[in-house]
C-alpha cells in the first residue's frame, strides 16, 4: 500500500511539474532589444522641420552610423541573414534573446537538411552529418526501416521538452540531439 501511495505521489508531482513548466516558460519573454544610439540619432533627424538643417543632420548621422558599423559597434543584417544564423544555431541550447528575431520572439521550429554521411555507433544508434556541417545523434531507441545514407532528405523539428525529432526520408521520426 505504501508503494502505491508513494508512486502515486511521484506521478502526480511529475504531471504537475510537466504542466507547470510550459506555463512558466510561456510567461518568460525575451528582454526588449535596445536600439543602438547611432540609429536612434539618425531617425531623430526626421523631426527637424528646416530642410537644410534636416539634411545636415542626416549627413552627420549617416557618417556616424557608417563609422560605428565599420568599427563593429553596430551590425546591420537583413531578414535573410538572420534566418541563416537561426538555421545554423538550430538544435543548440542558447539564451533566449530578441537579437536573432523580432520583438515577437519568432523562432525557427524546423529545418530541412540533406545527409552528407551517416554511421552507426553505440548499439545501433545513428550519427548523421548534414551537408551544412551540422551533426545530429540519435538519442532514442527507435529503429529506422531504412538506413540513412548520403543524399537522404531530413526534416528536423522541435519536439516537447526541448527535444528534437528527425524524419529521415519520410520514415517515422526518431529522437535526435545536435552535437556539432
Protein backbone atom coordinates (compact mmCIF):
# COMPACT_ATOMS: atom_id res chain seq x y z
CA UNK A 1 0.00 0.00 0.00
CA UNK A 2 2.85 2.40 0.85
CA UNK A 3 4.48 1.71 -2.52
CA UNK A 4 1.22 2.52 -4.29
CA UNK A 5 0.79 5.81 -2.39
CA UNK A 6 4.46 6.70 -2.95
CA UNK A 7 4.29 6.04 -6.67
CA UNK A 8 1.01 7.96 -6.88
CA UNK A 9 2.64 10.98 -5.22
CA UNK A 10 5.62 10.78 -7.61
CA UNK A 11 3.28 10.51 -10.62
CA UNK A 12 1.18 13.49 -9.51
CA UNK A 13 4.35 15.52 -8.87
CA UNK A 14 5.69 14.72 -12.35
CA UNK A 15 2.39 15.61 -14.02
CA UNK A 16 2.12 18.90 -12.12
CA UNK A 17 5.71 19.88 -12.93
CA UNK A 18 5.26 18.90 -16.58
CA UNK A 19 2.18 21.10 -16.82
CA UNK A 20 3.74 23.98 -14.88
CA UNK A 21 6.99 24.23 -16.85
CA UNK A 22 5.41 25.12 -20.23
CA UNK A 23 3.17 27.64 -18.48
CA UNK A 24 6.13 29.25 -16.75
CA UNK A 25 8.12 29.27 -19.98
CA UNK A 26 5.20 30.88 -21.80
CA UNK A 27 5.32 33.84 -19.41
CA UNK A 28 9.06 34.33 -19.97
CA UNK A 29 9.56 36.87 -22.71
CA UNK A 30 12.93 37.82 -24.10
CA UNK A 31 14.17 41.20 -22.96
CA UNK A 32 13.37 44.02 -25.35
CA UNK A 33 16.23 44.65 -27.75
CA UNK A 34 17.81 48.07 -27.24
CA UNK A 35 18.11 50.12 -30.44
CA UNK A 36 21.67 51.42 -30.96
CA UNK A 37 22.04 55.15 -30.31
CA UNK A 38 23.65 55.71 -33.74
CA UNK A 39 20.41 54.51 -35.35
CA UNK A 40 18.18 56.44 -32.93
CA UNK A 41 20.09 59.65 -33.69
CA UNK A 42 19.64 59.10 -37.43
CA UNK A 43 15.88 58.56 -37.07
CA UNK A 44 15.63 61.66 -34.85
CA UNK A 45 16.68 63.79 -37.84
CA UNK A 46 13.19 63.30 -39.33
CA UNK A 47 11.73 65.64 -36.72
CA UNK A 48 13.72 68.66 -37.95
CA UNK A 49 11.44 70.98 -39.94
CA UNK A 50 14.10 73.06 -41.74
CA UNK A 51 15.22 71.24 -44.89
CA UNK A 52 18.86 72.38 -44.74
CA UNK A 53 19.17 71.53 -41.03
CA UNK A 54 17.50 68.13 -41.56
CA UNK A 55 19.86 67.32 -44.46
CA UNK A 56 22.88 68.36 -42.37
CA UNK A 57 21.62 66.17 -39.52
CA UNK A 58 21.16 63.20 -41.88
CA UNK A 59 24.63 63.68 -43.36
CA UNK A 60 26.23 63.81 -39.92
CA UNK A 61 24.28 60.84 -38.51
CA UNK A 62 24.79 58.65 -41.60
CA UNK A 63 28.54 59.25 -41.31
CA UNK A 64 28.35 58.39 -37.60
CA UNK A 65 26.35 55.21 -38.32
CA UNK A 66 28.77 54.15 -41.07
CA UNK A 67 31.71 54.70 -38.71
CA UNK A 68 30.01 52.64 -35.95
CA UNK A 69 29.31 49.84 -38.44
CA UNK A 70 32.91 49.77 -39.73
CA UNK A 71 34.21 49.74 -36.14
CA UNK A 72 31.99 46.76 -35.33
CA UNK A 73 29.89 48.65 -32.79
CA UNK A 74 26.75 48.24 -34.91
CA UNK A 75 25.91 45.24 -37.06
CA UNK A 76 23.45 45.59 -39.91
CA UNK A 77 21.72 42.40 -41.06
CA UNK A 78 18.71 41.76 -43.24
CA UNK A 79 16.00 39.15 -42.57
CA UNK A 80 17.69 36.56 -44.82
CA UNK A 81 20.97 36.83 -42.92
CA UNK A 82 19.18 36.50 -39.56
CA UNK A 83 17.33 33.39 -40.77
CA UNK A 84 20.62 31.84 -41.95
CA UNK A 85 22.12 32.38 -38.48
CA UNK A 86 19.00 30.93 -36.85
CA UNK A 87 19.26 27.86 -39.09
CA UNK A 88 22.92 27.47 -38.20
CA UNK A 89 22.12 27.58 -34.48
CA UNK A 90 19.05 25.31 -34.69
CA UNK A 91 19.38 22.50 -32.17
CA UNK A 92 21.74 24.30 -29.82
CA UNK A 93 20.66 25.50 -26.40
CA UNK A 94 21.29 29.24 -26.45
CA UNK A 95 19.99 32.03 -24.22
CA UNK A 96 16.62 33.41 -25.24
CA UNK A 97 17.12 36.76 -26.94
CA UNK A 98 15.48 39.01 -29.49
CA UNK A 99 18.83 39.60 -31.14
CA UNK A 100 18.09 36.98 -33.81
CA UNK A 101 14.43 37.74 -34.34
CA UNK A 102 11.74 40.29 -33.89
CA UNK A 103 10.13 41.50 -30.70
CA UNK A 104 7.51 38.80 -31.29
CA UNK A 105 10.17 36.20 -30.49
CA UNK A 106 9.98 34.48 -33.88
CA UNK A 107 11.98 31.28 -33.99
CA UNK A 108 12.60 28.53 -36.47
CA UNK A 109 10.73 25.38 -35.43
CA UNK A 110 12.05 23.03 -38.08
CA UNK A 111 14.77 22.74 -40.65
CA UNK A 112 15.24 20.65 -43.75
CA UNK A 113 18.66 19.21 -44.43
CA UNK A 114 20.40 16.63 -46.60
CA UNK A 115 22.50 13.81 -45.18
CA UNK A 116 26.17 14.02 -46.19
CA UNK A 117 27.14 10.88 -44.25
CA UNK A 118 25.68 8.56 -41.63
CA UNK A 119 27.14 5.88 -39.43
CA UNK A 120 26.01 3.70 -36.56
CA UNK A 121 27.51 3.97 -33.10
CA UNK A 122 26.58 2.98 -29.55
CA UNK A 123 24.35 -0.07 -30.01
CA UNK A 124 22.84 0.78 -33.37
CA UNK A 125 22.10 4.47 -32.90
CA UNK A 126 22.80 6.79 -35.81
CA UNK A 127 25.08 9.79 -36.18
CA UNK A 128 24.17 11.87 -39.21
CA UNK A 129 26.33 14.62 -40.64
CA UNK A 130 24.37 17.03 -42.80
CA UNK A 131 25.64 18.88 -45.85
CA UNK A 132 25.54 22.15 -43.85
CA UNK A 133 28.08 20.66 -41.40
CA UNK A 134 25.69 20.04 -38.51
CA UNK A 135 25.97 16.69 -36.75
CA UNK A 136 22.96 15.00 -35.13
CA UNK A 137 23.00 11.92 -32.88
CA UNK A 138 20.04 9.63 -32.39
CA UNK A 139 19.17 9.57 -28.69
CA UNK A 140 16.12 7.32 -28.72
CA UNK A 141 15.94 3.60 -29.34
CA UNK A 142 13.58 3.77 -32.31
CA UNK A 143 14.68 1.72 -35.31
CA UNK A 144 14.68 3.09 -38.84
CA UNK A 145 13.29 0.78 -41.52
CA UNK A 146 15.92 2.01 -43.98
CA UNK A 147 19.41 3.12 -43.02
CA UNK A 148 20.10 6.80 -43.64
CA UNK A 149 22.58 7.45 -46.42
CA UNK A 150 24.11 10.38 -48.28
CA UNK A 151 21.52 12.37 -50.20
CA UNK A 152 18.56 11.50 -47.97
CA UNK A 153 16.33 14.42 -47.06
CA UNK A 154 15.81 15.00 -43.33
CA UNK A 155 13.25 17.20 -41.58
CA UNK A 156 14.21 18.04 -38.01
CA UNK A 157 11.50 19.58 -35.79
CA UNK A 158 11.40 20.91 -32.28
CA UNK A 159 9.56 18.46 -30.08
CA UNK A 160 8.33 18.58 -26.49
CA UNK A 161 10.53 19.46 -23.52
CA UNK A 162 13.34 20.89 -25.65
CA UNK A 163 13.93 17.74 -27.66
CA UNK A 164 14.14 17.29 -31.43
CA UNK A 165 12.68 14.72 -33.83
CA UNK A 166 14.13 13.85 -37.23
CA UNK A 167 12.22 12.30 -40.13
CA UNK A 168 14.73 10.66 -42.44
CA UNK A 169 13.42 10.35 -46.00
CA UNK A 170 9.77 10.26 -44.85
CA UNK A 171 10.23 7.50 -42.25
CA UNK A 172 8.67 7.78 -38.78
CA UNK A 173 10.61 10.29 -36.64
CA UNK A 174 13.49 9.41 -34.34
CA UNK A 175 14.66 11.47 -31.37
CA UNK A 176 17.91 13.34 -32.02
CA UNK A 177 20.18 15.97 -30.49
CA UNK A 178 22.66 18.25 -32.14
CA UNK A 179 26.27 17.57 -31.17
CA UNK A 180 28.08 19.86 -33.60
